[in-house]
Amino acid sequence: MVSVSIGSIFKRKDGRYFIYLPKNLVEDTSFPFPIKSPVKVKVRFIPGEKRLIVEE
């Protein structure tokens, strides 16, 4: 089971930002989002804390 992995956030030349999630994390059977097509998610952070929260 893979519940922790290393991803990255990067900015494209067109100014958009992307979060990369490693394949082994997303394809794990316990991953909380079914990814059969694009999934809209809510991404937020708490000021002063170094973490993102991703919710369906």
PDB file of N, CA and C in Angstrom:
ATOM      1  N   MET A   1       0.851  -1.172   0.000  1.00  0.00           N
ATOM      2  CA  MET A   1       0.000   0.000   0.000  1.00  0.00           C
ATOM      3  C   MET A   1       0.902   1.242   0.000  1.00  0.00           C
ATOM      4  N   VAL A   2       0.577   2.180  -0.876  1.00  0.00           N
ATOM      5  CA  VAL A   2       1.338   3.427  -0.989  1.00  0.00           C
ATOM      6  C   VAL A   2       0.440   4.571  -0.531  1.00  0.00           C
ATOM      7  N   SER A   3       0.721   5.119   0.656  1.00  0.00           N
ATOM      8  CA  SER A   3      -0.078   6.247   1.120  1.00  0.00           C
ATOM      9  C   SER A   3       0.765   7.523   1.227  1.00  0.00           C
ATOM     10  N   VAL A   4       2.067   7.392   0.992  1.00  0.00           N
ATOM     11  CA  VAL A   4       2.966   8.545   1.013  1.00  0.00           C
ATOM     12  C   VAL A   4       3.910   8.433  -0.171  1.00  0.00           C
ATOM     13  N   SER A   5       4.075   9.522  -0.892  1.00  0.00           N
ATOM     14  CA  SER A   5       4.983   9.555  -2.024  1.00  0.00           C
ATOM     15  C   SER A   5       5.407  10.998  -2.243  1.00  0.00           C
ATOM     16  N   ILE A   6       6.356  11.211  -3.133  1.00  0.00           N
ATOM     17  CA  ILE A   6       6.858  12.556  -3.404  1.00  0.00           C
ATOM     18  C   ILE A   6       6.324  13.034  -4.749  1.00  0.00           C
ATOM     19  N   GLY A   7       5.636  14.162  -4.742  1.00  0.00           N
ATOM     20  CA  GLY A   7       5.132  14.784  -5.963  1.00  0.00           C
ATOM     21  C   GLY A   7       5.798  16.137  -6.123  1.00  0.00           C
ATOM     22  N   SER A   8       5.218  16.985  -6.954  1.00  0.00           N
ATOM     23  CA  SER A   8       5.786  18.317  -7.140  1.00  0.00           C
ATOM     24  C   SER A   8       4.713  19.288  -7.626  1.00  0.00           C
ATOM     25  N   ILE A   9       4.989  20.569  -7.425  1.00  0.00           N
ATOM     26  CA  ILE A   9       4.148  21.646  -7.944  1.00  0.00           C
ATOM     27  C   ILE A   9       5.033  22.433  -8.892  1.00  0.00           C
ATOM     28  N   PHE A  10       4.514  22.729 -10.078  1.00  0.00           N
ATOM     29  CA  PHE A  10       5.329  23.500 -11.016  1.00  0.00           C
ATOM     30  C   PHE A  10       4.463  24.457 -11.823  1.00  0.00           C
ATOM     31  N   LYS A  11       5.121  25.464 -12.370  1.00  0.00           N
ATOM     32  CA  LYS A  11       4.447  26.472 -13.177  1.00  0.00           C
ATOM     33  C   LYS A  11       4.828  26.271 -14.635  1.00  0.00           C
ATOM     34  N   ARG A  12       3.813  26.223 -15.477  1.00  0.00           N
ATOM     35  CA  ARG A  12       4.063  26.085 -16.912  1.00  0.00           C
ATOM     36  C   ARG A  12       4.370  27.440 -17.528  1.00  0.00           C
ATOM     37  N   LYS A  13       4.833  27.418 -18.748  1.00  0.00           N
ATOM     38  CA  LYS A  13       5.150  28.666 -19.453  1.00  0.00           C
ATOM     39  C   LYS A  13       3.922  29.537 -19.676  1.00  0.00           C
ATOM     40  N   ASP A  14       2.729  28.915 -19.720  1.00  0.00           N
ATOM     41  CA  ASP A  14       1.497  29.701 -19.923  1.00  0.00           C
ATOM     42  C   ASP A  14       0.953  30.280 -18.613  1.00  0.00           C
ATOM     43  N   GLY A  15       1.678  30.110 -17.504  1.00  0.00           N
ATOM     44  CA  GLY A  15       1.287  30.698 -16.240  1.00  0.00           C
ATOM     45  C   GLY A  15       0.415  29.814 -15.361  1.00  0.00           C
ATOM     46  N   ARG A  16       0.023  28.651 -15.846  1.00  0.00           N
ATOM     47  CA  ARG A  16      -0.795  27.741 -15.045  1.00  0.00           C
ATOM     48  C   ARG A  16       0.091  26.919 -14.123  1.00  0.00           C
ATOM     49  N   TYR A  17      -0.449  26.542 -12.973  1.00  0.00           N
ATOM     50  CA  TYR A  17       0.271  25.712 -12.015  1.00  0.00           C
ATOM     51  C   TYR A  17      -0.321  24.310 -12.007  1.00  0.00           C
ATOM     52  N   PHE A  18       0.524  23.322 -11.836  1.00  0.00           N
ATOM     53  CA  PHE A  18       0.091  21.932 -11.797  1.00  0.00           C
ATOM     54  C   PHE A  18       0.682  21.238 -10.583  1.00  0.00           C
ATOM     55  N   ILE A  19      -0.083  20.309 -10.032  1.00  0.00           N
ATOM     56  CA  ILE A  19       0.400  19.440  -8.970  1.00  0.00           C
ATOM     57  C   ILE A  19       0.557  18.057  -9.577  1.00  0.00           C
ATOM     58  N   TYR A  20       1.759  17.507  -9.507  1.00  0.00           N
ATOM     59  CA  TYR A  20       2.043  16.181 -10.026  1.00  0.00           C
ATOM     60  C   TYR A  20       1.908  15.176  -8.897  1.00  0.00           C
ATOM     61  N   LEU A  21       1.094  14.157  -9.099  1.00  0.00           N
ATOM     62  CA  LEU A  21       0.953  13.058  -8.151  1.00  0.00           C
ATOM     63  C   LEU A  21       1.553  11.814  -8.783  1.00  0.00           C
ATOM     64  N   PRO A  22       2.449  11.145  -8.113  1.00  0.00           N
ATOM     65  CA  PRO A  22       3.076   9.953  -8.674  1.00  0.00           C
ATOM     66  C   PRO A  22       2.065   8.851  -8.994  1.00  0.00           C
ATOM     67  N   LYS A  23       2.335   8.133 -10.050  1.00  0.00           N
ATOM     68  CA  LYS A  23       1.456   7.073 -10.528  1.00  0.00           C
ATOM     69  C   LYS A  23       1.194   6.010  -9.457  1.00  0.00           C
ATOM     70  N   ASN A  24       2.246   5.601  -8.742  1.00  0.00           N
ATOM     71  CA  ASN A  24       2.063   4.535  -7.750  1.00  0.00           C
ATOM     72  C   ASN A  24       1.141   4.971  -6.608  1.00  0.00           C
ATOM     73  N   LEU A  25       1.085   6.252  -6.314  1.00  0.00           N
ATOM     74  CA  LEU A  25       0.180   6.767  -5.288  1.00  0.00           C
ATOM     75  C   LEU A  25      -1.266   6.747  -5.782  1.00  0.00           C
ATOM     76  N   VAL A  26      -1.494   7.275  -6.972  1.00  0.00           N
ATOM     77  CA  VAL A  26      -2.851   7.392  -7.529  1.00  0.00           C
ATOM     78  C   VAL A  26      -3.441   6.029  -7.878  1.00  0.00           C
ATOM     79  N   GLU A  27      -2.615   5.091  -8.293  1.00  0.00           N
ATOM     80  CA  GLU A  27      -3.126   3.773  -8.673  1.00  0.00           C
ATOM     81  C   GLU A  27      -3.256   2.805  -7.507  1.00  0.00           C
ATOM     82  N   ASP A  28      -2.891   3.225  -6.313  1.00  0.00           N
ATOM     83  CA  ASP A  28      -3.065   2.377  -5.140  1.00  0.00           C
ATOM     84  C   ASP A  28      -4.564   2.187  -4.889  1.00  0.00           C
ATOM     85  N   THR A  29      -4.955   1.000  -4.478  1.00  0.00           N
ATOM     86  CA  THR A  29      -6.380   0.700  -4.294  1.00  0.00           C
ATOM     87  C   THR A  29      -7.028   1.523  -3.183  1.00  0.00           C
ATOM     88  N   SER A  30      -6.250   2.074  -2.271  1.00  0.00           N
ATOM     89  CA  SER A  30      -6.826   2.877  -1.195  1.00  0.00           C
ATOM     90  C   SER A  30      -6.847   4.370  -1.508  1.00  0.00           C
ATOM     91  N   PHE A  31      -6.413   4.776  -2.716  1.00  0.00           N
ATOM     92  CA  PHE A  31      -6.453   6.188  -3.098  1.00  0.00           C
ATOM     93  C   PHE A  31      -7.905   6.655  -3.048  1.00  0.00           C
ATOM     94  N   PRO A  32      -8.163   7.815  -2.414  1.00  0.00           N
ATOM     95  CA  PRO A  32      -9.559   8.206  -2.136  1.00  0.00           C
ATOM     96  C   PRO A  32     -10.402   8.691  -3.316  1.00  0.00           C
ATOM     97  N   PHE A  33      -9.804   8.962  -4.478  1.00  0.00           N
ATOM     98  CA  PHE A  33     -10.572   9.465  -5.617  1.00  0.00           C
ATOM     99  C   PHE A  33     -10.529   8.465  -6.763  1.00  0.00           C
ATOM    100  N   PRO A  34     -11.684   8.063  -7.304  1.00  0.00           N
ATOM    101  CA  PRO A  34     -11.671   7.215  -8.495  1.00  0.00           C
ATOM    102  C   PRO A  34     -11.278   8.069  -9.707  1.00  0.00           C
ATOM    103  N   ILE A  35     -10.222   7.702 -10.402  1.00  0.00           N
ATOM    104  CA  ILE A  35      -9.727   8.508 -11.526  1.00  0.00           C
ATOM    105  C   ILE A  35      -9.979   7.747 -12.826  1.00  0.00           C
ATOM    106  N   LYS A  36     -11.164   7.885 -13.350  1.00  0.00           N
ATOM    107  CA  LYS A  36     -11.490   7.297 -14.658  1.00  0.00           C
ATOM    108  C   LYS A  36     -11.560   8.386 -15.710  1.00  0.00           C
ATOM    109  N   SER A  37     -11.786   9.611 -15.261  1.00  0.00           N
ATOM    110  CA  SER A  37     -11.807  10.793 -16.117  1.00  0.00           C
ATOM    111  C   SER A  37     -11.425  11.968 -15.205  1.00  0.00           C
ATOM    112  N   PRO A  38     -11.286  13.170 -15.730  1.00  0.00           N
ATOM    113  CA  PRO A  38     -10.894  14.287 -14.874  1.00  0.00           C
ATOM    114  C   PRO A  38     -11.823  14.436 -13.659  1.00  0.00           C
ATOM    115  N   VAL A  39     -11.231  14.719 -12.522  1.00  0.00           N
ATOM    116  CA  VAL A  39     -11.976  14.882 -11.274  1.00  0.00           C
ATOM    117  C   VAL A  39     -11.753  16.300 -10.766  1.00  0.00           C
ATOM    118  N   LYS A  40     -12.836  17.011 -10.537  1.00  0.00           N
ATOM    119  CA  LYS A  40     -12.704  18.352  -9.955  1.00  0.00           C
ATOM    120  C   LYS A  40     -12.483  18.187  -8.461  1.00  0.00           C
ATOM    121  N   VAL A  41     -11.519  18.926  -7.943  1.00  0.00           N
ATOM    122  CA  VAL A  41     -11.221  18.862  -6.519  1.00  0.00           C
ATOM    123  C   VAL A  41     -11.122  20.267  -5.946  1.00  0.00           C
ATOM    124  N   LYS A  42     -11.337  20.354  -4.651  1.00  0.00           N
ATOM    125  CA  LYS A  42     -11.162  21.607  -3.928  1.00  0.00           C
ATOM    126  C   LYS A  42      -9.796  21.523  -3.250  1.00  0.00           C
ATOM    127  N   VAL A  43      -8.957  22.534  -3.475  1.00  0.00           N
ATOM    128  CA  VAL A  43      -7.635  22.578  -2.878  1.00  0.00           C
ATOM    129  C   VAL A  43      -7.568  23.804  -1.984  1.00  0.00           C
ATOM    130  N   ARG A  44      -7.140  23.611  -0.752  1.00  0.00           N
ATOM    131  CA  ARG A  44      -7.042  24.743   0.166  1.00  0.00           C
ATOM    132  C   ARG A  44      -5.812  24.572   1.039  1.00  0.00           C
ATOM    133  N   PHE A  45      -5.460  25.647   1.722  1.00  0.00           N
ATOM    134  CA  PHE A  45      -4.370  25.590   2.677  1.00  0.00           C
ATOM    135  C   PHE A  45      -4.743  26.417   3.891  1.00  0.00           C
ATOM    136  N   ILE A  46      -4.062  26.162   4.973  1.00  0.00           N
ATOM    137  CA  ILE A  46      -4.262  26.916   6.201  1.00  0.00           C
ATOM    138  C   ILE A  46      -3.057  27.835   6.342  1.00  0.00           C
ATOM    139  N   PRO A  47      -3.270  29.159   6.364  1.00  0.00           N
ATOM    140  CA  PRO A  47      -2.140  30.088   6.476  1.00  0.00           C
ATOM    141  C   PRO A  47      -1.227  29.742   7.661  1.00  0.00           C
ATOM    142  N   GLY A  48       0.057  29.750   7.400  1.00  0.00           N
ATOM    143  CA  GLY A  48       1.044  29.435   8.430  1.00  0.00           C
ATOM    144  C   GLY A  48       1.425  27.969   8.500  1.00  0.00           C
ATOM    145  N   GLU A  49       0.657  27.092   7.859  1.00  0.00           N
ATOM    146  CA  GLU A  49       0.981  25.669   7.837  1.00  0.00           C
ATOM    147  C   GLU A  49       1.470  25.296   6.449  1.00  0.00           C
ATOM    148  N   LYS A  50       2.431  24.420   6.355  1.00  0.00           N
ATOM    149  CA  LYS A  50       3.002  24.040   5.071  1.00  0.00           C
ATOM    150  C   LYS A  50       2.369  22.738   4.585  1.00  0.00           C
ATOM    151  N   ARG A  51       1.091  22.829   4.264  1.00  0.00           N
ATOM    152  CA  ARG A  51       0.398  21.658   3.698  1.00  0.00           C
ATOM    153  C   ARG A  51      -0.805  22.106   2.891  1.00  0.00           C
ATOM    154  N   LEU A  52      -1.156  21.290   1.913  1.00  0.00           N
ATOM    155  CA  LEU A  52      -2.356  21.508   1.091  1.00  0.00           C
ATOM    156  C   LEU A  52      -3.375  20.455   1.493  1.00  0.00           C
ATOM    157  N   ILE A  53      -4.629  20.816   1.388  1.00  0.00           N
ATOM    158  CA  ILE A  53      -5.712  19.885   1.651  1.00  0.00           C
ATOM    159  C   ILE A  53      -6.495  19.751   0.347  1.00  0.00           C
ATOM    160  N   VAL A  54      -6.636  18.522  -0.126  1.00  0.00           N
ATOM    161  CA  VAL A  54      -7.338  18.250  -1.388  1.00  0.00           C
ATOM    162  C   VAL A  54      -8.573  17.443  -1.068  1.00  0.00           C
ATOM    163  N   GLU A  55      -9.744  17.963  -1.492  1.00  0.00           N
ATOM    164  CA  GLU A  55     -11.012  17.286  -1.234  1.00  0.00           C
ATOM    165  C   GLU A  55     -11.795  17.174  -2.538  1.00  0.00           C
ATOM    166  N   GLU A  56     -12.575  16.124  -2.648  1.00  0.00           N
ATOM    167  CA  GLU A  56     -13.392  15.950  -3.836  1.00  0.00           C
ATOM    168  C   GLU A  56     -14.552  16.923  -3.800  1.00  0.00           C
TER     169      GLU A  56
END
